[in-house]
Amino acid sequence: MKKIISILLGFILVSCSSAELVNNWKNPDIDSFAPAKILIIGMTSNDEARQKFEEKLKQKYQSRGVEAVTSYELFDESLMSYRRSEDDLIMLEDSLIKDGFDSVLLTKVAGVEDRTAFFNKFDKDTNYGFKYDYYNNQEIYFNRNYYDEYKVYHVETSLYCICKTEERTLIWKGYIDIIDPNSINETVKDYINLVLFVLEEQNLIQKNE
């Protein structure tokens, strides 16, 4: 019952945000996971959004007693200046393990979709006829702004284990849509709140008391 109430409360918290959970997957072989030192990576060409996202999420992990480091502070600009080979990334992962990291949280924009919609009240009254319907929708002909055009960003966040004594594996992946973002700060806040809520429910991060 407590879990059901928690899920309902979480739904209320995120239902008015710009971030919407589409689906998520948890490794069935892992009941819970408590990272000790995590690397946070936001893959985007928007430096401002990347820095704000990584820093905010770092603060959230630190408030839960987890040592967190952002890619922004760990890597120099050369890491993003050219394509890395698989061997390069194996060496990078090995160096992270030597430095005490046991997990990586990677977020990336997987796609962008343009959508068009208009908001028209559905009237259940069967007594109104054709003229009522036509009269109330004539703006389709004359108002170019009748339809609402907006973008949806399809974003993926993955939590990986890079533990020394365990197989390096995917622990969790979440698919989240960011709908018509207007503010970097608000979008980052909404997205992080949603990710943390889901991770808490999956026992993959300690809840903040």
N, C-alpha and C. Protein backbone atom coordinates (compact mmCIF):
# COMPACT_ATOMS: atom_id res chain seq x y z
N MET A 1 0.82 -1.20 0.00
CA MET A 1 0.00 0.00 0.00
C MET A 1 0.86 1.26 0.00
N LYS A 2 1.94 1.26 0.83
CA LYS A 2 2.83 2.41 0.88
C LYS A 2 3.43 2.70 -0.48
N LYS A 3 3.80 1.62 -1.21
CA LYS A 3 4.42 1.81 -2.52
C LYS A 3 3.42 2.42 -3.51
N ILE A 4 2.16 1.94 -3.43
CA ILE A 4 1.13 2.48 -4.32
C ILE A 4 0.92 3.97 -4.06
N ILE A 5 0.84 4.33 -2.76
CA ILE A 5 0.67 5.74 -2.40
C ILE A 5 1.85 6.57 -2.89
N SER A 6 3.06 6.02 -2.74
CA SER A 6 4.26 6.73 -3.19
C SER A 6 4.23 6.97 -4.69
N ILE A 7 3.80 5.94 -5.44
CA ILE A 7 3.72 6.08 -6.90
C ILE A 7 2.70 7.13 -7.29
N LEU A 8 1.55 7.13 -6.60
CA LEU A 8 0.51 8.12 -6.90
C LEU A 8 0.99 9.53 -6.60
N LEU A 9 1.69 9.69 -5.48
CA LEU A 9 2.23 11.00 -5.14
C LEU A 9 3.25 11.45 -6.16
N GLY A 10 4.07 10.51 -6.60
CA GLY A 10 5.07 10.84 -7.62
C GLY A 10 4.43 11.26 -8.91
N PHE A 11 3.34 10.58 -9.28
CA PHE A 11 2.63 10.95 -10.50
C PHE A 11 2.09 12.36 -10.42
N ILE A 12 1.57 12.71 -9.25
CA ILE A 12 1.05 14.07 -9.06
C ILE A 12 2.17 15.09 -9.19
N LEU A 13 3.34 14.76 -8.66
CA LEU A 13 4.47 15.68 -8.68
C LEU A 13 4.97 15.95 -10.09
N VAL A 14 4.95 14.92 -10.95
CA VAL A 14 5.56 15.07 -12.27
C VAL A 14 4.54 15.34 -13.37
N SER A 15 3.23 15.23 -13.06
CA SER A 15 2.23 15.32 -14.12
C SER A 15 2.16 16.71 -14.74
N CYS A 16 2.58 17.73 -14.01
CA CYS A 16 2.53 19.08 -14.54
C CYS A 16 3.88 19.55 -15.08
N SER A 17 4.84 18.66 -15.17
CA SER A 17 6.17 19.05 -15.61
C SER A 17 6.32 18.86 -17.11
N SER A 18 7.46 19.32 -17.65
CA SER A 18 7.73 19.18 -19.07
C SER A 18 8.32 17.81 -19.39
N ALA A 19 8.66 17.02 -18.37
CA ALA A 19 9.25 15.70 -18.55
C ALA A 19 8.21 14.61 -18.28
N GLU A 20 8.15 13.65 -19.19
CA GLU A 20 7.13 12.60 -19.09
C GLU A 20 7.79 11.25 -19.29
N LEU A 21 7.64 10.36 -18.32
CA LEU A 21 8.22 9.02 -18.42
C LEU A 21 7.44 8.19 -19.44
N VAL A 22 8.15 7.70 -20.44
CA VAL A 22 7.53 6.86 -21.46
C VAL A 22 7.65 5.39 -21.10
N ASN A 23 8.85 5.00 -20.69
CA ASN A 23 9.09 3.61 -20.30
C ASN A 23 10.39 3.53 -19.53
N ASN A 24 10.57 2.47 -18.78
CA ASN A 24 11.85 2.25 -18.13
C ASN A 24 12.08 0.77 -17.92
N TRP A 25 13.35 0.38 -17.83
CA TRP A 25 13.73 -1.02 -17.70
C TRP A 25 14.75 -1.16 -16.59
N LYS A 26 14.59 -2.17 -15.74
CA LYS A 26 15.54 -2.45 -14.69
C LYS A 26 16.07 -3.87 -14.85
N ASN A 27 17.37 -4.01 -14.69
CA ASN A 27 18.00 -5.32 -14.78
C ASN A 27 17.36 -6.26 -13.77
N PRO A 28 16.75 -7.36 -14.23
CA PRO A 28 16.04 -8.26 -13.31
C PRO A 28 16.97 -8.98 -12.35
N ASP A 29 18.26 -8.97 -12.62
CA ASP A 29 19.22 -9.64 -11.74
C ASP A 29 19.67 -8.75 -10.59
N ILE A 30 19.21 -7.51 -10.57
CA ILE A 30 19.64 -6.55 -9.54
C ILE A 30 18.42 -6.07 -8.76
N ASP A 31 18.41 -6.37 -7.47
CA ASP A 31 17.30 -5.93 -6.62
C ASP A 31 17.48 -4.46 -6.21
N SER A 32 18.71 -4.12 -5.82
CA SER A 32 18.99 -2.76 -5.40
C SER A 32 20.44 -2.42 -5.74
N PHE A 33 20.73 -1.14 -5.76
CA PHE A 33 22.08 -0.69 -6.08
C PHE A 33 22.35 0.61 -5.33
N ALA A 34 23.50 0.66 -4.68
CA ALA A 34 23.86 1.86 -3.92
C ALA A 34 25.24 2.32 -4.37
N PRO A 35 25.29 3.25 -5.32
CA PRO A 35 26.59 3.72 -5.81
C PRO A 35 27.37 4.46 -4.73
N ALA A 36 28.69 4.29 -4.78
CA ALA A 36 29.56 5.01 -3.85
C ALA A 36 30.17 6.23 -4.53
N LYS A 37 30.54 6.06 -5.81
CA LYS A 37 31.12 7.17 -6.57
C LYS A 37 30.63 7.07 -8.00
N ILE A 38 29.94 8.09 -8.45
CA ILE A 38 29.28 8.03 -9.75
C ILE A 38 29.76 9.17 -10.66
N LEU A 39 29.91 8.84 -11.93
CA LEU A 39 30.23 9.84 -12.95
C LEU A 39 28.95 10.20 -13.69
N ILE A 40 28.66 11.48 -13.81
CA ILE A 40 27.45 11.96 -14.47
C ILE A 40 27.83 12.57 -15.82
N ILE A 41 27.24 12.03 -16.89
CA ILE A 41 27.54 12.51 -18.24
C ILE A 41 26.26 12.92 -18.94
N GLY A 42 26.22 14.15 -19.43
CA GLY A 42 25.13 14.61 -20.27
C GLY A 42 25.66 14.81 -21.68
N MET A 43 25.18 14.01 -22.63
CA MET A 43 25.67 14.10 -24.01
C MET A 43 24.79 15.07 -24.79
N THR A 44 25.27 16.29 -24.95
CA THR A 44 24.58 17.31 -25.73
C THR A 44 25.59 18.33 -26.20
N SER A 45 25.33 18.93 -27.33
CA SER A 45 26.22 19.97 -27.85
C SER A 45 25.95 21.32 -27.20
N ASN A 46 24.87 21.40 -26.41
CA ASN A 46 24.53 22.63 -25.70
C ASN A 46 25.29 22.65 -24.38
N ASP A 47 26.39 23.39 -24.33
CA ASP A 47 27.25 23.40 -23.15
C ASP A 47 26.53 23.91 -21.90
N GLU A 48 25.69 24.91 -22.07
CA GLU A 48 24.97 25.47 -20.93
C GLU A 48 24.03 24.43 -20.32
N ALA A 49 23.28 23.76 -21.17
CA ALA A 49 22.34 22.74 -20.69
C ALA A 49 23.10 21.58 -20.05
N ARG A 50 24.19 21.18 -20.67
CA ARG A 50 24.99 20.08 -20.14
C ARG A 50 25.52 20.41 -18.75
N GLN A 51 26.10 21.59 -18.59
CA GLN A 51 26.69 21.96 -17.32
C GLN A 51 25.64 22.06 -16.22
N LYS A 52 24.50 22.67 -16.53
CA LYS A 52 23.44 22.82 -15.53
C LYS A 52 22.86 21.47 -15.14
N PHE A 53 22.66 20.60 -16.12
CA PHE A 53 22.11 19.28 -15.84
C PHE A 53 23.05 18.48 -14.96
N GLU A 54 24.32 18.41 -15.35
CA GLU A 54 25.28 17.61 -14.60
C GLU A 54 25.48 18.15 -13.19
N GLU A 55 25.57 19.45 -13.06
CA GLU A 55 25.82 20.05 -11.75
C GLU A 55 24.63 19.84 -10.81
N LYS A 56 23.42 20.00 -11.34
CA LYS A 56 22.22 19.82 -10.51
C LYS A 56 22.09 18.37 -10.05
N LEU A 57 22.34 17.45 -10.96
CA LEU A 57 22.23 16.04 -10.60
C LEU A 57 23.34 15.64 -9.62
N LYS A 58 24.51 16.22 -9.80
CA LYS A 58 25.62 15.99 -8.86
C LYS A 58 25.19 16.39 -7.45
N GLN A 59 24.57 17.55 -7.32
CA GLN A 59 24.13 18.03 -6.01
C GLN A 59 23.11 17.08 -5.38
N LYS A 60 22.23 16.53 -6.21
CA LYS A 60 21.21 15.61 -5.71
C LYS A 60 21.84 14.33 -5.17
N TYR A 61 22.85 13.83 -5.89
CA TYR A 61 23.54 12.63 -5.41
C TYR A 61 24.32 12.92 -4.13
N GLN A 62 24.99 14.06 -4.10
CA GLN A 62 25.78 14.41 -2.91
C GLN A 62 24.91 14.57 -1.68
N SER A 63 23.69 15.07 -1.87
CA SER A 63 22.77 15.23 -0.74
C SER A 63 22.35 13.89 -0.16
N ARG A 64 22.59 12.82 -0.93
CA ARG A 64 22.27 11.46 -0.48
C ARG A 64 23.52 10.71 -0.02
N GLY A 65 24.62 11.44 0.12
CA GLY A 65 25.85 10.83 0.62
C GLY A 65 26.67 10.11 -0.42
N VAL A 66 26.39 10.34 -1.70
CA VAL A 66 27.12 9.69 -2.79
C VAL A 66 28.13 10.67 -3.36
N GLU A 67 29.36 10.21 -3.55
CA GLU A 67 30.36 11.04 -4.21
C GLU A 67 30.04 11.10 -5.70
N ALA A 68 29.83 12.28 -6.22
CA ALA A 68 29.43 12.44 -7.62
C ALA A 68 30.37 13.43 -8.31
N VAL A 69 30.72 13.10 -9.54
CA VAL A 69 31.61 13.94 -10.34
C VAL A 69 30.98 14.12 -11.72
N THR A 70 31.04 15.33 -12.24
CA THR A 70 30.48 15.59 -13.57
C THR A 70 31.55 15.43 -14.64
N SER A 71 31.10 15.09 -15.84
CA SER A 71 32.04 14.99 -16.96
C SER A 71 32.62 16.36 -17.28
N TYR A 72 31.85 17.40 -16.94
CA TYR A 72 32.29 18.76 -17.22
C TYR A 72 33.56 19.11 -16.45
N GLU A 73 33.67 18.58 -15.23
CA GLU A 73 34.84 18.89 -14.42
C GLU A 73 35.93 17.82 -14.54
N LEU A 74 35.56 16.61 -14.96
CA LEU A 74 36.53 15.52 -15.04
C LEU A 74 37.29 15.51 -16.37
N PHE A 75 36.58 15.78 -17.46
CA PHE A 75 37.18 15.71 -18.79
C PHE A 75 37.53 17.09 -19.29
N ASP A 76 38.62 17.19 -20.01
CA ASP A 76 38.89 18.45 -20.68
C ASP A 76 38.18 18.46 -22.03
N GLU A 77 38.23 19.57 -22.72
CA GLU A 77 37.49 19.73 -23.97
C GLU A 77 37.95 18.76 -25.06
N SER A 78 39.17 18.23 -24.92
CA SER A 78 39.70 17.35 -25.96
C SER A 78 38.91 16.06 -26.08
N LEU A 79 38.24 15.63 -24.96
CA LEU A 79 37.47 14.40 -25.02
C LEU A 79 36.34 14.49 -26.03
N MET A 80 35.75 15.68 -26.18
CA MET A 80 34.63 15.87 -27.09
C MET A 80 35.07 16.40 -28.46
N SER A 81 36.37 16.58 -28.66
CA SER A 81 36.84 17.23 -29.88
C SER A 81 36.98 16.25 -31.05
N TYR A 82 36.98 14.94 -30.77
CA TYR A 82 37.07 13.97 -31.86
C TYR A 82 36.41 12.66 -31.41
N ARG A 83 36.08 11.81 -32.40
CA ARG A 83 35.41 10.55 -32.09
C ARG A 83 36.38 9.60 -31.39
N ARG A 84 35.91 8.98 -30.32
CA ARG A 84 36.72 8.04 -29.57
C ARG A 84 36.49 6.61 -30.07
N SER A 85 37.57 5.83 -30.12
CA SER A 85 37.47 4.43 -30.51
C SER A 85 37.02 3.60 -29.32
N GLU A 86 36.64 2.35 -29.58
CA GLU A 86 36.25 1.47 -28.48
C GLU A 86 37.43 1.24 -27.54
N ASP A 87 38.62 1.13 -28.08
CA ASP A 87 39.81 0.95 -27.23
C ASP A 87 40.02 2.16 -26.32
N ASP A 88 39.78 3.36 -26.88
CA ASP A 88 39.90 4.58 -26.07
C ASP A 88 38.95 4.53 -24.88
N LEU A 89 37.73 4.08 -25.14
CA LEU A 89 36.70 4.07 -24.09
C LEU A 89 36.95 2.95 -23.07
N ILE A 90 37.54 1.86 -23.51
CA ILE A 90 37.92 0.80 -22.57
C ILE A 90 38.98 1.34 -21.61
N MET A 91 39.95 2.04 -22.16
CA MET A 91 41.00 2.64 -21.32
C MET A 91 40.40 3.67 -20.37
N LEU A 92 39.44 4.45 -20.86
CA LEU A 92 38.78 5.44 -20.02
C LEU A 92 38.04 4.78 -18.88
N GLU A 93 37.31 3.72 -19.19
CA GLU A 93 36.56 3.00 -18.16
C GLU A 93 37.50 2.40 -17.12
N ASP A 94 38.60 1.84 -17.57
CA ASP A 94 39.59 1.28 -16.64
C ASP A 94 40.16 2.35 -15.72
N SER A 95 40.40 3.52 -16.27
CA SER A 95 40.95 4.61 -15.45
C SER A 95 39.92 5.09 -14.42
N LEU A 96 38.64 5.05 -14.79
CA LEU A 96 37.59 5.44 -13.85
C LEU A 96 37.54 4.46 -12.68
N ILE A 97 37.67 3.17 -12.97
CA ILE A 97 37.65 2.16 -11.92
C ILE A 97 38.83 2.35 -10.98
N LYS A 98 40.00 2.65 -11.53
CA LYS A 98 41.19 2.89 -10.71
C LYS A 98 41.00 4.10 -9.80
N ASP A 99 40.20 5.06 -10.27
CA ASP A 99 39.95 6.27 -9.47
C ASP A 99 38.79 6.09 -8.49
N GLY A 100 38.25 4.88 -8.41
CA GLY A 100 37.23 4.60 -7.40
C GLY A 100 35.79 4.71 -7.86
N PHE A 101 35.57 4.99 -9.13
CA PHE A 101 34.19 5.06 -9.64
C PHE A 101 33.60 3.65 -9.71
N ASP A 102 32.33 3.52 -9.36
CA ASP A 102 31.65 2.24 -9.49
C ASP A 102 30.42 2.32 -10.38
N SER A 103 30.11 3.50 -10.88
CA SER A 103 28.92 3.64 -11.71
C SER A 103 29.00 4.89 -12.59
N VAL A 104 28.26 4.83 -13.68
CA VAL A 104 28.16 5.96 -14.62
C VAL A 104 26.69 6.16 -14.96
N LEU A 105 26.23 7.41 -14.90
CA LEU A 105 24.88 7.74 -15.33
C LEU A 105 25.00 8.60 -16.59
N LEU A 106 24.53 8.04 -17.70
CA LEU A 106 24.68 8.67 -19.02
C LEU A 106 23.32 9.09 -19.55
N THR A 107 23.20 10.37 -19.90
CA THR A 107 21.95 10.90 -20.46
C THR A 107 22.22 11.49 -21.83
N LYS A 108 21.36 11.16 -22.78
CA LYS A 108 21.54 11.66 -24.15
C LYS A 108 20.19 11.92 -24.80
N VAL A 109 20.18 12.85 -25.74
CA VAL A 109 18.99 13.10 -26.55
C VAL A 109 19.01 12.13 -27.72
N ALA A 110 18.03 11.23 -27.78
CA ALA A 110 18.00 10.19 -28.81
C ALA A 110 17.27 10.64 -30.06
N GLY A 111 16.46 11.69 -29.97
CA GLY A 111 15.73 12.16 -31.13
C GLY A 111 14.86 13.36 -30.81
N VAL A 112 14.47 14.07 -31.85
CA VAL A 112 13.60 15.24 -31.71
C VAL A 112 12.46 15.10 -32.69
N GLU A 113 11.25 15.35 -32.23
CA GLU A 113 10.06 15.19 -33.06
C GLU A 113 9.24 16.47 -33.07
N ASP A 114 8.83 16.90 -34.25
CA ASP A 114 7.93 18.04 -34.38
C ASP A 114 6.49 17.53 -34.34
N ARG A 115 5.68 18.16 -33.51
CA ARG A 115 4.28 17.76 -33.42
C ARG A 115 3.37 18.96 -33.61
N THR A 116 2.17 18.68 -34.09
CA THR A 116 1.17 19.72 -34.30
C THR A 116 -0.14 19.26 -33.67
N ALA A 117 -0.78 20.15 -32.94
CA ALA A 117 -2.04 19.79 -32.29
C ALA A 117 -2.90 21.02 -32.14
N PHE A 118 -4.18 20.83 -31.99
CA PHE A 118 -5.05 21.93 -31.62
C PHE A 118 -5.98 21.44 -30.52
N PHE A 119 -6.34 22.38 -29.65
CA PHE A 119 -7.15 22.02 -28.50
C PHE A 119 -8.59 22.45 -28.75
N ASN A 120 -9.46 21.47 -28.95
CA ASN A 120 -10.85 21.73 -29.23
C ASN A 120 -11.70 20.94 -28.24
N LYS A 121 -12.55 21.63 -27.52
CA LYS A 121 -13.36 20.97 -26.50
C LYS A 121 -14.29 19.95 -27.14
N PHE A 122 -14.30 18.74 -26.58
CA PHE A 122 -15.19 17.68 -27.06
C PHE A 122 -16.53 17.83 -26.36
N ASP A 123 -17.56 18.05 -27.16
CA ASP A 123 -18.91 18.27 -26.62
C ASP A 123 -19.70 16.97 -26.75
N LYS A 124 -20.17 16.45 -25.60
CA LYS A 124 -20.91 15.19 -25.59
C LYS A 124 -22.39 15.37 -25.91
N ASP A 125 -22.82 16.60 -26.06
CA ASP A 125 -24.23 16.87 -26.34
C ASP A 125 -24.55 16.46 -27.77
N THR A 126 -25.38 15.46 -27.95
CA THR A 126 -25.71 14.96 -29.29
C THR A 126 -26.76 15.82 -29.99
N ASN A 127 -27.27 16.85 -29.32
CA ASN A 127 -28.32 17.67 -29.91
C ASN A 127 -27.78 18.76 -30.84
N TYR A 128 -26.47 19.08 -30.68
CA TYR A 128 -25.96 20.11 -31.55
C TYR A 128 -25.64 19.50 -32.92
N GLY A 129 -25.74 20.31 -33.97
CA GLY A 129 -25.59 19.77 -35.31
C GLY A 129 -24.37 20.29 -36.04
N PHE A 130 -24.39 20.10 -37.34
CA PHE A 130 -23.29 20.45 -38.22
C PHE A 130 -22.91 21.92 -38.09
N LYS A 131 -23.94 22.82 -38.06
CA LYS A 131 -23.65 24.25 -38.06
C LYS A 131 -22.87 24.67 -36.82
N TYR A 132 -23.16 24.02 -35.67
CA TYR A 132 -22.45 24.33 -34.44
C TYR A 132 -20.98 23.94 -34.56
N ASP A 133 -20.73 22.76 -35.08
CA ASP A 133 -19.37 22.25 -35.24
C ASP A 133 -18.59 23.12 -36.22
N TYR A 134 -19.21 23.42 -37.35
CA TYR A 134 -18.54 24.23 -38.37
C TYR A 134 -18.24 25.64 -37.85
N TYR A 135 -19.26 26.25 -37.22
CA TYR A 135 -19.14 27.62 -36.74
C TYR A 135 -17.97 27.77 -35.76
N ASN A 136 -17.81 26.81 -34.88
CA ASN A 136 -16.80 26.91 -33.82
C ASN A 136 -15.40 26.52 -34.26
N ASN A 137 -15.26 26.06 -35.50
CA ASN A 137 -13.94 25.65 -35.97
C ASN A 137 -13.49 26.37 -37.24
N GLN A 138 -14.09 27.50 -37.55
CA GLN A 138 -13.73 28.24 -38.75
C GLN A 138 -12.33 28.82 -38.70
N GLU A 139 -11.77 28.94 -37.49
CA GLU A 139 -10.42 29.47 -37.35
C GLU A 139 -9.40 28.65 -38.10
N ILE A 140 -9.72 27.39 -38.39
CA ILE A 140 -8.82 26.55 -39.18
C ILE A 140 -8.48 27.23 -40.50
N TYR A 141 -9.46 27.94 -41.09
CA TYR A 141 -9.26 28.61 -42.38
C TYR A 141 -8.47 29.91 -42.25
N PHE A 142 -8.67 30.61 -41.16
CA PHE A 142 -8.21 32.00 -41.10
C PHE A 142 -7.07 32.28 -40.12
N ASN A 143 -6.82 31.39 -39.19
CA ASN A 143 -5.83 31.65 -38.15
C ASN A 143 -4.70 30.64 -38.24
N ARG A 144 -3.54 31.13 -38.65
CA ARG A 144 -2.39 30.23 -38.78
C ARG A 144 -1.92 29.71 -37.43
N ASN A 145 -2.28 30.40 -36.38
CA ASN A 145 -1.87 29.98 -35.03
C ASN A 145 -2.90 29.07 -34.37
N TYR A 146 -3.89 28.63 -35.15
CA TYR A 146 -4.93 27.76 -34.59
C TYR A 146 -4.33 26.45 -34.11
N TYR A 147 -3.35 25.99 -34.86
CA TYR A 147 -2.66 24.76 -34.47
C TYR A 147 -1.43 25.11 -33.64
N ASP A 148 -1.19 24.30 -32.65
CA ASP A 148 -0.07 24.50 -31.75
C ASP A 148 1.09 23.60 -32.20
N GLU A 149 2.15 24.21 -32.68
CA GLU A 149 3.32 23.45 -33.10
C GLU A 149 4.35 23.43 -31.98
N TYR A 150 4.86 22.26 -31.67
CA TYR A 150 5.82 22.15 -30.57
C TYR A 150 6.77 20.98 -30.84
N LYS A 151 7.83 20.95 -30.07
CA LYS A 151 8.84 19.90 -30.21
C LYS A 151 8.80 18.96 -29.01
N VAL A 152 9.10 17.70 -29.29
CA VAL A 152 9.24 16.70 -28.23
C VAL A 152 10.63 16.10 -28.36
N TYR A 153 11.40 16.18 -27.28
CA TYR A 153 12.75 15.62 -27.25
C TYR A 153 12.69 14.25 -26.57
N HIS A 154 13.15 13.23 -27.29
CA HIS A 154 13.19 11.88 -26.75
C HIS A 154 14.56 11.68 -26.09
N VAL A 155 14.56 11.53 -24.78
CA VAL A 155 15.81 11.49 -24.02
C VAL A 155 15.92 10.15 -23.30
N GLU A 156 17.13 9.62 -23.25
CA GLU A 156 17.39 8.36 -22.57
C GLU A 156 18.42 8.58 -21.46
N THR A 157 18.16 8.01 -20.31
CA THR A 157 19.12 8.01 -19.21
C THR A 157 19.42 6.57 -18.83
N SER A 158 20.71 6.23 -18.77
CA SER A 158 21.13 4.86 -18.45
C SER A 158 22.07 4.87 -17.26
N LEU A 159 21.88 3.92 -16.37
CA LEU A 159 22.75 3.75 -15.20
C LEU A 159 23.56 2.48 -15.38
N TYR A 160 24.89 2.63 -15.40
CA TYR A 160 25.79 1.50 -15.63
C TYR A 160 26.63 1.22 -14.39
N CYS A 161 26.86 -0.06 -14.13
CA CYS A 161 27.79 -0.47 -13.08
C CYS A 161 29.15 -0.71 -13.72
N ILE A 162 30.20 -0.13 -13.13
CA ILE A 162 31.57 -0.41 -13.58
C ILE A 162 32.39 -0.90 -12.37
N CYS A 163 31.72 -1.70 -11.55
CA CYS A 163 32.33 -2.18 -10.32
C CYS A 163 33.49 -3.13 -10.61
N LYS A 164 34.48 -3.15 -9.73
CA LYS A 164 35.65 -4.01 -9.89
C LYS A 164 35.28 -5.48 -9.79
N THR A 165 34.47 -5.82 -8.79
CA THR A 165 34.21 -7.22 -8.49
C THR A 165 32.98 -7.78 -9.20
N GLU A 166 32.29 -6.95 -9.96
CA GLU A 166 31.10 -7.41 -10.65
C GLU A 166 31.22 -7.15 -12.15
N GLU A 167 30.38 -7.85 -12.89
CA GLU A 167 30.37 -7.66 -14.34
C GLU A 167 29.87 -6.25 -14.66
N ARG A 168 30.54 -5.61 -15.58
CA ARG A 168 30.13 -4.26 -15.97
C ARG A 168 28.86 -4.38 -16.80
N THR A 169 27.80 -3.80 -16.31
CA THR A 169 26.51 -4.07 -16.92
C THR A 169 25.56 -2.89 -16.80
N LEU A 170 24.51 -2.93 -17.61
CA LEU A 170 23.45 -1.94 -17.54
C LEU A 170 22.53 -2.29 -16.37
N ILE A 171 22.32 -1.32 -15.50
CA ILE A 171 21.45 -1.53 -14.34
C ILE A 171 20.03 -1.05 -14.63
N TRP A 172 19.92 0.12 -15.26
CA TRP A 172 18.60 0.72 -15.49
C TRP A 172 18.66 1.65 -16.69
N LYS A 173 17.54 1.70 -17.42
CA LYS A 173 17.42 2.65 -18.53
C LYS A 173 16.02 3.25 -18.50
N GLY A 174 15.95 4.56 -18.64
CA GLY A 174 14.67 5.25 -18.67
C GLY A 174 14.51 6.02 -19.97
N TYR A 175 13.30 5.95 -20.53
CA TYR A 175 12.97 6.69 -21.74
C TYR A 175 12.01 7.80 -21.36
N ILE A 176 12.43 9.03 -21.57
CA ILE A 176 11.67 10.19 -21.11
C ILE A 176 11.49 11.19 -22.24
N ASP A 177 10.29 11.71 -22.37
CA ASP A 177 10.02 12.76 -23.36
C ASP A 177 10.02 14.12 -22.66
N ILE A 178 10.73 15.06 -23.25
CA ILE A 178 10.68 16.46 -22.80
C ILE A 178 9.80 17.20 -23.79
N ILE A 179 8.70 17.72 -23.31
CA ILE A 179 7.67 18.29 -24.18
C ILE A 179 7.74 19.81 -24.18
N ASP A 180 8.00 20.36 -25.36
CA ASP A 180 7.98 21.80 -25.59
C ASP A 180 8.76 22.58 -24.52
N PRO A 181 10.06 22.30 -24.37
CA PRO A 181 10.84 23.00 -23.33
C PRO A 181 11.01 24.48 -23.65
N ASN A 182 10.83 25.33 -22.66
CA ASN A 182 10.98 26.77 -22.83
C ASN A 182 12.13 27.34 -22.02
N SER A 183 12.44 26.69 -20.91
CA SER A 183 13.48 27.19 -20.01
C SER A 183 14.44 26.06 -19.68
N ILE A 184 15.74 26.29 -19.83
CA ILE A 184 16.73 25.27 -19.50
C ILE A 184 16.63 24.91 -18.03
N ASN A 185 16.51 25.91 -17.16
CA ASN A 185 16.47 25.67 -15.72
C ASN A 185 15.26 24.82 -15.33
N GLU A 186 14.08 25.17 -15.85
CA GLU A 186 12.88 24.42 -15.52
C GLU A 186 12.90 23.02 -16.09
N THR A 187 13.41 22.90 -17.32
CA THR A 187 13.48 21.59 -17.97
C THR A 187 14.43 20.67 -17.22
N VAL A 188 15.60 21.18 -16.85
CA VAL A 188 16.57 20.39 -16.09
C VAL A 188 15.97 19.95 -14.76
N LYS A 189 15.30 20.86 -14.08
CA LYS A 189 14.68 20.53 -12.79
C LYS A 189 13.63 19.44 -12.94
N ASP A 190 12.74 19.60 -13.92
CA ASP A 190 11.69 18.61 -14.14
C ASP A 190 12.27 17.25 -14.48
N TYR A 191 13.27 17.24 -15.35
CA TYR A 191 13.85 15.97 -15.79
C TYR A 191 14.53 15.25 -14.64
N ILE A 192 15.34 15.97 -13.89
CA ILE A 192 16.07 15.36 -12.77
C ILE A 192 15.11 14.86 -11.69
N ASN A 193 14.08 15.63 -11.37
CA ASN A 193 13.10 15.20 -10.37
C ASN A 193 12.43 13.89 -10.79
N LEU A 194 12.13 13.77 -12.07
CA LEU A 194 11.48 12.56 -12.57
C LEU A 194 12.44 11.37 -12.51
N VAL A 195 13.68 11.56 -12.97
CA VAL A 195 14.67 10.47 -12.94
C VAL A 195 14.91 9.99 -11.52
N LEU A 196 15.10 10.92 -10.59
CA LEU A 196 15.37 10.55 -9.21
C LEU A 196 14.18 9.82 -8.58
N PHE A 197 12.98 10.27 -8.88
CA PHE A 197 11.80 9.60 -8.35
C PHE A 197 11.75 8.14 -8.81
N VAL A 198 12.00 7.90 -10.09
CA VAL A 198 11.95 6.54 -10.62
C VAL A 198 13.08 5.70 -10.02
N LEU A 199 14.28 6.26 -9.92
CA LEU A 199 15.40 5.52 -9.33
C LEU A 199 15.12 5.16 -7.87
N GLU A 200 14.49 6.07 -7.14
CA GLU A 200 14.13 5.77 -5.76
C GLU A 200 13.15 4.60 -5.68
N GLU A 201 12.15 4.62 -6.55
CA GLU A 201 11.14 3.56 -6.54
C GLU A 201 11.74 2.22 -6.95
N GLN A 202 12.82 2.24 -7.72
CA GLN A 202 13.48 1.02 -8.16
C GLN A 202 14.60 0.59 -7.22
N ASN A 203 14.75 1.29 -6.11
CA ASN A 203 15.82 1.01 -5.13
C ASN A 203 17.22 1.12 -5.73
N LEU A 204 17.40 2.12 -6.58
CA LEU A 204 18.68 2.33 -7.23
C LEU A 204 19.36 3.61 -6.75
N ILE A 205 18.73 4.28 -5.82
CA ILE A 205 19.32 5.45 -5.16
C ILE A 205 18.61 5.62 -3.83
N GLN A 206 19.35 6.08 -2.85
CA GLN A 206 18.76 6.27 -1.52
C GLN A 206 17.78 7.43 -1.54
N LYS A 207 16.65 7.27 -0.87
CA LYS A 207 15.68 8.35 -0.79
C LYS A 207 16.20 9.43 0.14
N ASN A 208 15.91 10.66 -0.21
CA ASN A 208 16.30 11.78 0.63
C ASN A 208 15.27 11.95 1.72
N GLU A 209 15.68 11.75 2.95
CA GLU A 209 14.73 11.84 4.07
C GLU A 209 14.39 13.30 4.35
